[in-house]
Amino acid sequence: MRLTFTKRDGKYDDLLIERPDAAPETIRNPKQGIIPHDMIHYAVESVLAHRGFLGMVAGGDAAVFATQGGESEEAIERLVESFQAEMWGGRVPADELLETYRIACEARGHAAAPVTAEDVDGVRATLDDLTAKWAAVPVNGSLTVEF
């Protein structure tokens, strides 16, 4: 699956999703001062090989805001949110990020996916790389990754 993120000058950036067996779909990502939310999904899901939103889309689900998964997909959404919060607020020790993640899952009534400190390091490295690449993308320019 090919993901093309396009930086726009308004309140939203775009994500074009191209799958070999489906029509292309575009999702609008609200600007948030860091990389797009779905780019964080890419970092988490590609490094950890857990099924979240992008895994569901790759499996044939429609790429819409209301796409909902089961407990494991919801756990990945909490992990994405934990990394997103860290990107806004600054890095914390891996054990603190994982504890925040566990608490978020517990508050939503589901178990956390197994994630190690080494996994956190891998996701952070991918996020750092994507952040640098995204910063270099001009308005109306794109960044493409394969999932």
N, C-alpha and C. Protein backbone atom coordinates (compact mmCIF):
# COMPACT_ATOMS: atom_id res chain seq x y z
N MET A 1 0.86 -1.17 0.00
CA MET A 1 0.00 0.00 0.00
C MET A 1 0.90 1.23 0.00
N ARG A 2 0.58 2.16 -0.87
CA ARG A 2 1.35 3.40 -0.97
C ARG A 2 0.59 4.52 -0.26
N LEU A 3 1.31 5.26 0.60
CA LEU A 3 0.75 6.39 1.33
C LEU A 3 1.47 7.65 0.89
N THR A 4 0.72 8.61 0.34
CA THR A 4 1.32 9.87 -0.10
C THR A 4 0.71 11.00 0.72
N PHE A 5 1.55 11.59 1.57
CA PHE A 5 1.14 12.72 2.40
C PHE A 5 1.48 14.00 1.64
N THR A 6 0.51 14.90 1.50
CA THR A 6 0.72 16.16 0.80
C THR A 6 0.48 17.31 1.75
N LYS A 7 1.47 18.19 1.85
CA LYS A 7 1.40 19.35 2.74
C LYS A 7 0.59 20.44 2.04
N ARG A 8 -0.43 20.91 2.71
CA ARG A 8 -1.28 21.98 2.18
C ARG A 8 -1.09 23.26 3.00
N ASP A 9 -1.58 24.38 2.46
CA ASP A 9 -1.39 25.64 3.16
C ASP A 9 -2.57 26.02 4.05
N GLY A 10 -3.63 25.25 4.06
CA GLY A 10 -4.78 25.53 4.91
C GLY A 10 -4.69 24.83 6.24
N LYS A 11 -5.83 24.45 6.77
CA LYS A 11 -5.90 23.80 8.08
C LYS A 11 -5.67 22.30 8.01
N TYR A 12 -5.59 21.74 6.79
CA TYR A 12 -5.47 20.30 6.62
C TYR A 12 -4.35 19.95 5.66
N ASP A 13 -3.75 18.79 5.90
CA ASP A 13 -2.87 18.14 4.93
C ASP A 13 -3.65 16.95 4.39
N ASP A 14 -3.19 16.39 3.29
CA ASP A 14 -3.90 15.27 2.67
C ASP A 14 -3.08 14.00 2.73
N LEU A 15 -3.78 12.89 2.78
CA LEU A 15 -3.17 11.57 2.67
C LEU A 15 -3.90 10.82 1.57
N LEU A 16 -3.16 10.46 0.52
CA LEU A 16 -3.68 9.63 -0.56
C LEU A 16 -3.26 8.19 -0.29
N ILE A 17 -4.24 7.29 -0.24
CA ILE A 17 -3.98 5.87 0.00
C ILE A 17 -4.24 5.13 -1.29
N GLU A 18 -3.22 4.42 -1.77
CA GLU A 18 -3.34 3.64 -2.99
C GLU A 18 -3.07 2.17 -2.67
N ARG A 19 -4.09 1.35 -2.95
CA ARG A 19 -3.99 -0.09 -2.74
C ARG A 19 -4.16 -0.76 -4.09
N PRO A 20 -3.49 -1.87 -4.33
CA PRO A 20 -3.59 -2.53 -5.63
C PRO A 20 -4.99 -3.03 -5.97
N ASP A 21 -5.79 -3.31 -4.95
CA ASP A 21 -7.10 -3.92 -5.19
C ASP A 21 -8.28 -3.01 -4.87
N ALA A 22 -8.03 -1.69 -4.79
CA ALA A 22 -9.12 -0.77 -4.44
C ALA A 22 -8.87 0.60 -5.08
N ALA A 23 -9.94 1.36 -5.20
CA ALA A 23 -9.81 2.73 -5.71
C ALA A 23 -9.03 3.58 -4.71
N PRO A 24 -8.26 4.54 -5.20
CA PRO A 24 -7.53 5.43 -4.29
C PRO A 24 -8.50 6.18 -3.36
N GLU A 25 -8.05 6.45 -2.16
CA GLU A 25 -8.85 7.20 -1.18
C GLU A 25 -7.99 8.33 -0.63
N THR A 26 -8.62 9.47 -0.36
CA THR A 26 -7.92 10.60 0.24
C THR A 26 -8.54 10.92 1.58
N ILE A 27 -7.69 11.14 2.56
CA ILE A 27 -8.11 11.51 3.92
C ILE A 27 -7.50 12.87 4.21
N ARG A 28 -8.26 13.73 4.84
CA ARG A 28 -7.74 15.02 5.28
C ARG A 28 -7.24 14.87 6.71
N ASN A 29 -6.02 15.35 6.96
CA ASN A 29 -5.42 15.30 8.30
C ASN A 29 -5.33 16.72 8.83
N PRO A 30 -6.03 17.04 9.94
CA PRO A 30 -5.91 18.39 10.51
C PRO A 30 -4.45 18.69 10.87
N LYS A 31 -4.00 19.89 10.55
CA LYS A 31 -2.64 20.29 10.93
C LYS A 31 -2.57 20.34 12.45
N GLN A 32 -1.44 19.88 13.00
CA GLN A 32 -1.31 19.85 14.45
C GLN A 32 0.04 20.35 14.93
N GLY A 33 0.84 20.94 14.04
CA GLY A 33 2.12 21.49 14.44
C GLY A 33 3.25 20.47 14.43
N ILE A 34 2.94 19.23 14.19
CA ILE A 34 3.92 18.16 14.06
C ILE A 34 3.56 17.40 12.78
N ILE A 35 4.12 16.24 12.57
CA ILE A 35 3.75 15.46 11.39
C ILE A 35 2.28 15.05 11.46
N PRO A 36 1.66 14.73 10.33
CA PRO A 36 0.25 14.32 10.36
C PRO A 36 0.00 13.09 11.23
N HIS A 37 -1.17 13.04 11.83
CA HIS A 37 -1.54 11.94 12.72
C HIS A 37 -1.36 10.58 12.04
N ASP A 38 -1.79 10.47 10.79
CA ASP A 38 -1.69 9.18 10.11
C ASP A 38 -0.24 8.82 9.77
N MET A 39 0.66 9.80 9.75
CA MET A 39 2.08 9.51 9.58
C MET A 39 2.64 8.88 10.86
N ILE A 40 2.09 9.28 12.00
CA ILE A 40 2.48 8.65 13.26
C ILE A 40 1.98 7.21 13.27
N HIS A 41 0.77 6.98 12.76
CA HIS A 41 0.28 5.61 12.60
C HIS A 41 1.27 4.79 11.77
N TYR A 42 1.73 5.37 10.67
CA TYR A 42 2.69 4.66 9.81
C TYR A 42 3.93 4.27 10.62
N ALA A 43 4.48 5.21 11.39
CA ALA A 43 5.68 4.92 12.18
C ALA A 43 5.43 3.79 13.17
N VAL A 44 4.36 3.87 13.91
CA VAL A 44 4.06 2.86 14.93
C VAL A 44 3.78 1.50 14.28
N GLU A 45 2.89 1.49 13.29
CA GLU A 45 2.48 0.21 12.71
C GLU A 45 3.56 -0.44 11.86
N SER A 46 4.40 0.35 11.22
CA SER A 46 5.45 -0.25 10.40
C SER A 46 6.59 -0.79 11.26
N VAL A 47 6.89 -0.11 12.35
CA VAL A 47 7.97 -0.57 13.23
C VAL A 47 7.53 -1.76 14.07
N LEU A 48 6.33 -1.71 14.61
CA LEU A 48 5.87 -2.75 15.54
C LEU A 48 5.11 -3.88 14.86
N ALA A 49 4.73 -3.70 13.62
CA ALA A 49 3.96 -4.72 12.89
C ALA A 49 2.68 -5.09 13.63
N HIS A 50 2.09 -4.12 14.30
CA HIS A 50 0.79 -4.32 14.94
C HIS A 50 -0.28 -3.78 14.01
N ARG A 51 -1.46 -4.33 14.10
CA ARG A 51 -2.55 -3.90 13.24
C ARG A 51 -3.34 -2.78 13.91
N GLY A 52 -3.26 -1.61 13.30
CA GLY A 52 -4.04 -0.46 13.73
C GLY A 52 -4.84 0.05 12.54
N PHE A 53 -5.07 1.34 12.48
CA PHE A 53 -5.85 1.94 11.41
C PHE A 53 -5.30 1.59 10.03
N LEU A 54 -4.00 1.77 9.82
CA LEU A 54 -3.43 1.48 8.49
C LEU A 54 -3.48 -0.01 8.17
N GLY A 55 -3.29 -0.84 9.15
CA GLY A 55 -3.42 -2.27 8.93
C GLY A 55 -4.83 -2.66 8.52
N MET A 56 -5.81 -2.01 9.11
CA MET A 56 -7.20 -2.28 8.74
C MET A 56 -7.46 -1.82 7.31
N VAL A 57 -6.93 -0.64 6.95
CA VAL A 57 -7.11 -0.13 5.59
C VAL A 57 -6.40 -1.05 4.59
N ALA A 58 -5.20 -1.48 4.93
CA ALA A 58 -4.48 -2.40 4.04
C ALA A 58 -5.25 -3.70 3.87
N GLY A 59 -6.00 -4.08 4.89
CA GLY A 59 -6.81 -5.30 4.84
C GLY A 59 -8.13 -5.14 4.13
N GLY A 60 -8.43 -3.92 3.66
CA GLY A 60 -9.65 -3.71 2.88
C GLY A 60 -10.69 -2.80 3.49
N ASP A 61 -10.52 -2.37 4.74
CA ASP A 61 -11.50 -1.46 5.34
C ASP A 61 -11.41 -0.10 4.66
N ALA A 62 -12.51 0.62 4.65
CA ALA A 62 -12.54 1.97 4.09
C ALA A 62 -11.68 2.89 4.95
N ALA A 63 -11.02 3.83 4.32
CA ALA A 63 -10.16 4.78 5.01
C ALA A 63 -10.98 6.00 5.41
N VAL A 64 -11.77 5.85 6.46
CA VAL A 64 -12.61 6.94 6.93
C VAL A 64 -12.36 7.16 8.42
N PHE A 65 -12.70 8.36 8.87
CA PHE A 65 -12.46 8.73 10.27
C PHE A 65 -13.16 7.77 11.23
N ALA A 66 -14.30 7.26 10.84
CA ALA A 66 -15.09 6.41 11.73
C ALA A 66 -14.66 4.95 11.71
N THR A 67 -13.58 4.61 10.99
CA THR A 67 -13.12 3.23 10.96
C THR A 67 -12.80 2.80 12.39
N GLN A 68 -13.40 1.71 12.83
CA GLN A 68 -13.20 1.22 14.18
C GLN A 68 -12.75 -0.23 14.14
N GLY A 69 -11.80 -0.55 14.97
CA GLY A 69 -11.33 -1.92 15.06
C GLY A 69 -11.70 -2.54 16.38
N GLY A 70 -11.09 -3.66 16.64
CA GLY A 70 -11.30 -4.35 17.89
C GLY A 70 -10.33 -3.85 18.95
N GLU A 71 -10.18 -4.64 19.99
CA GLU A 71 -9.34 -4.23 21.12
C GLU A 71 -7.89 -3.98 20.71
N SER A 72 -7.33 -4.83 19.87
CA SER A 72 -5.92 -4.64 19.50
C SER A 72 -5.73 -3.37 18.67
N GLU A 73 -6.67 -3.07 17.78
CA GLU A 73 -6.56 -1.85 16.98
C GLU A 73 -6.74 -0.60 17.85
N GLU A 74 -7.64 -0.70 18.83
CA GLU A 74 -7.83 0.42 19.76
C GLU A 74 -6.57 0.63 20.60
N ALA A 75 -5.89 -0.45 20.97
CA ALA A 75 -4.64 -0.33 21.73
C ALA A 75 -3.59 0.41 20.91
N ILE A 76 -3.53 0.14 19.62
CA ILE A 76 -2.56 0.83 18.77
C ILE A 76 -2.92 2.30 18.64
N GLU A 77 -4.20 2.62 18.60
CA GLU A 77 -4.61 4.04 18.56
C GLU A 77 -4.12 4.77 19.81
N ARG A 78 -4.21 4.12 20.97
CA ARG A 78 -3.71 4.74 22.21
C ARG A 78 -2.20 4.94 22.15
N LEU A 79 -1.49 3.98 21.53
CA LEU A 79 -0.04 4.11 21.41
C LEU A 79 0.32 5.27 20.48
N VAL A 80 -0.39 5.37 19.38
CA VAL A 80 -0.19 6.50 18.46
C VAL A 80 -0.42 7.82 19.21
N GLU A 81 -1.49 7.88 19.97
CA GLU A 81 -1.79 9.09 20.75
C GLU A 81 -0.68 9.39 21.77
N SER A 82 -0.10 8.36 22.36
CA SER A 82 0.97 8.56 23.33
C SER A 82 2.21 9.16 22.66
N PHE A 83 2.57 8.64 21.49
CA PHE A 83 3.70 9.22 20.76
C PHE A 83 3.38 10.63 20.28
N GLN A 84 2.16 10.85 19.86
CA GLN A 84 1.75 12.18 19.40
C GLN A 84 1.88 13.18 20.55
N ALA A 85 1.41 12.81 21.73
CA ALA A 85 1.51 13.69 22.89
C ALA A 85 2.98 13.98 23.22
N GLU A 86 3.81 12.96 23.09
CA GLU A 86 5.23 13.16 23.35
C GLU A 86 5.85 14.12 22.34
N MET A 87 5.42 14.03 21.09
CA MET A 87 5.94 14.93 20.06
C MET A 87 5.56 16.38 20.36
N TRP A 88 4.40 16.60 20.96
CA TRP A 88 3.99 17.95 21.33
C TRP A 88 4.72 18.44 22.57
N GLY A 89 4.88 17.55 23.55
CA GLY A 89 5.37 17.97 24.85
C GLY A 89 6.84 17.73 25.13
N GLY A 90 7.50 16.92 24.34
CA GLY A 90 8.91 16.61 24.57
C GLY A 90 9.10 15.18 25.02
N ARG A 91 10.29 14.67 24.74
CA ARG A 91 10.62 13.27 25.06
C ARG A 91 10.65 13.03 26.55
N VAL A 92 10.19 11.85 26.90
CA VAL A 92 10.24 11.37 28.27
C VAL A 92 10.94 10.03 28.25
N PRO A 93 11.39 9.52 29.38
CA PRO A 93 11.96 8.18 29.39
C PRO A 93 10.94 7.16 28.84
N ALA A 94 11.45 6.14 28.18
CA ALA A 94 10.58 5.14 27.55
C ALA A 94 9.62 4.53 28.55
N ASP A 95 10.07 4.26 29.78
CA ASP A 95 9.17 3.64 30.75
C ASP A 95 8.01 4.56 31.11
N GLU A 96 8.23 5.88 31.09
CA GLU A 96 7.14 6.82 31.36
C GLU A 96 6.14 6.84 30.20
N LEU A 97 6.63 6.82 28.97
CA LEU A 97 5.74 6.76 27.82
C LEU A 97 4.90 5.49 27.86
N LEU A 98 5.53 4.37 28.18
CA LEU A 98 4.81 3.10 28.24
C LEU A 98 3.79 3.08 29.37
N GLU A 99 4.09 3.71 30.48
CA GLU A 99 3.13 3.78 31.58
C GLU A 99 1.94 4.65 31.19
N THR A 100 2.21 5.77 30.54
CA THR A 100 1.12 6.63 30.05
C THR A 100 0.24 5.85 29.08
N TYR A 101 0.87 5.09 28.21
CA TYR A 101 0.15 4.26 27.25
C TYR A 101 -0.73 3.23 27.97
N ARG A 102 -0.17 2.55 28.96
CA ARG A 102 -0.92 1.54 29.71
C ARG A 102 -2.13 2.17 30.40
N ILE A 103 -1.94 3.33 31.00
CA ILE A 103 -3.03 4.03 31.69
C ILE A 103 -4.12 4.45 30.69
N ALA A 104 -3.71 4.92 29.52
CA ALA A 104 -4.69 5.32 28.50
C ALA A 104 -5.52 4.12 28.05
N CYS A 105 -4.87 2.99 27.87
CA CYS A 105 -5.61 1.79 27.48
C CYS A 105 -6.58 1.37 28.59
N GLU A 106 -6.10 1.39 29.81
CA GLU A 106 -6.94 1.03 30.95
C GLU A 106 -8.15 1.95 31.05
N ALA A 107 -7.94 3.25 30.83
CA ALA A 107 -9.04 4.22 30.90
C ALA A 107 -10.09 3.97 29.83
N ARG A 108 -9.67 3.42 28.69
CA ARG A 108 -10.61 3.11 27.61
C ARG A 108 -11.16 1.70 27.70
N GLY A 109 -10.72 0.94 28.71
CA GLY A 109 -11.29 -0.37 28.96
C GLY A 109 -10.74 -1.50 28.11
N HIS A 110 -9.49 -1.38 27.67
CA HIS A 110 -8.90 -2.48 26.91
C HIS A 110 -7.44 -2.65 27.31
N ALA A 111 -6.89 -3.80 26.98
CA ALA A 111 -5.50 -4.11 27.30
C ALA A 111 -4.56 -3.35 26.37
N ALA A 112 -3.34 -3.15 26.83
CA ALA A 112 -2.29 -2.56 26.00
C ALA A 112 -1.63 -3.65 25.18
N ALA A 113 -1.18 -3.30 23.98
CA ALA A 113 -0.40 -4.23 23.17
C ALA A 113 0.99 -4.36 23.79
N PRO A 114 1.64 -5.49 23.61
CA PRO A 114 3.00 -5.62 24.16
C PRO A 114 3.98 -4.72 23.41
N VAL A 115 4.61 -3.82 24.15
CA VAL A 115 5.57 -2.87 23.57
C VAL A 115 6.74 -2.77 24.54
N THR A 116 7.96 -2.85 24.02
CA THR A 116 9.16 -2.77 24.84
C THR A 116 9.84 -1.41 24.68
N ALA A 117 10.81 -1.15 25.55
CA ALA A 117 11.59 0.08 25.43
C ALA A 117 12.34 0.11 24.10
N GLU A 118 12.78 -1.05 23.62
CA GLU A 118 13.45 -1.12 22.32
C GLU A 118 12.48 -0.76 21.19
N ASP A 119 11.22 -1.18 21.32
CA ASP A 119 10.20 -0.79 20.34
C ASP A 119 10.03 0.72 20.33
N VAL A 120 9.99 1.32 21.52
CA VAL A 120 9.85 2.78 21.63
C VAL A 120 11.01 3.45 20.90
N ASP A 121 12.23 2.95 21.09
CA ASP A 121 13.40 3.53 20.40
C ASP A 121 13.25 3.44 18.89
N GLY A 122 12.75 2.31 18.39
CA GLY A 122 12.57 2.14 16.96
C GLY A 122 11.53 3.08 16.39
N VAL A 123 10.41 3.23 17.10
CA VAL A 123 9.37 4.15 16.65
C VAL A 123 9.90 5.58 16.68
N ARG A 124 10.60 5.94 17.75
CA ARG A 124 11.15 7.30 17.83
C ARG A 124 12.12 7.59 16.69
N ALA A 125 12.95 6.63 16.34
CA ALA A 125 13.89 6.82 15.23
C ALA A 125 13.13 7.06 13.93
N THR A 126 12.08 6.29 13.72
CA THR A 126 11.26 6.47 12.51
C THR A 126 10.56 7.83 12.54
N LEU A 127 10.03 8.22 13.69
CA LEU A 127 9.38 9.52 13.81
C LEU A 127 10.37 10.66 13.55
N ASP A 128 11.59 10.53 14.07
CA ASP A 128 12.62 11.56 13.83
C ASP A 128 12.91 11.69 12.34
N ASP A 129 13.03 10.56 11.66
CA ASP A 129 13.30 10.56 10.23
C ASP A 129 12.14 11.20 9.46
N LEU A 130 10.92 10.80 9.79
CA LEU A 130 9.75 11.37 9.11
C LEU A 130 9.59 12.86 9.39
N THR A 131 9.88 13.26 10.62
CA THR A 131 9.78 14.67 10.98
C THR A 131 10.74 15.52 10.15
N ALA A 132 11.98 15.04 10.01
CA ALA A 132 12.96 15.78 9.20
C ALA A 132 12.53 15.83 7.73
N LYS A 133 12.06 14.73 7.21
CA LYS A 133 11.62 14.70 5.82
C LYS A 133 10.40 15.60 5.61
N TRP A 134 9.44 15.56 6.52
CA TRP A 134 8.23 16.36 6.40
C TRP A 134 8.56 17.85 6.47
N ALA A 135 9.50 18.22 7.34
CA ALA A 135 9.90 19.63 7.45
C ALA A 135 10.46 20.16 6.14
N ALA A 136 11.08 19.29 5.35
CA ALA A 136 11.67 19.70 4.08
C ALA A 136 10.66 19.74 2.93
N VAL A 137 9.46 19.25 3.15
CA VAL A 137 8.43 19.22 2.10
C VAL A 137 7.82 20.62 1.98
N PRO A 138 7.81 21.20 0.79
CA PRO A 138 7.17 22.51 0.61
C PRO A 138 5.64 22.37 0.56
N VAL A 139 4.95 23.48 0.71
CA VAL A 139 3.50 23.47 0.56
C VAL A 139 3.16 22.94 -0.83
N ASN A 140 2.20 22.04 -0.87
CA ASN A 140 1.76 21.31 -2.07
C ASN A 140 2.75 20.24 -2.53
N GLY A 141 3.81 20.03 -1.76
CA GLY A 141 4.74 18.94 -2.00
C GLY A 141 4.29 17.70 -1.25
N SER A 142 4.88 16.57 -1.57
CA SER A 142 4.45 15.30 -1.00
C SER A 142 5.59 14.46 -0.47
N LEU A 143 5.26 13.57 0.42
CA LEU A 143 6.16 12.56 0.96
C LEU A 143 5.44 11.22 0.83
N THR A 144 6.06 10.27 0.15
CA THR A 144 5.44 8.96 -0.09
C THR A 144 6.20 7.88 0.65
N VAL A 145 5.45 6.98 1.29
CA VAL A 145 6.01 5.82 1.97
C VAL A 145 5.22 4.59 1.56
N GLU A 146 5.83 3.43 1.69
CA GLU A 146 5.17 2.16 1.39
C GLU A 146 4.85 1.46 2.70
N PHE A 147 3.63 0.95 2.80
CA PHE A 147 3.21 0.25 4.01
C PHE A 147 2.92 -1.19 3.64
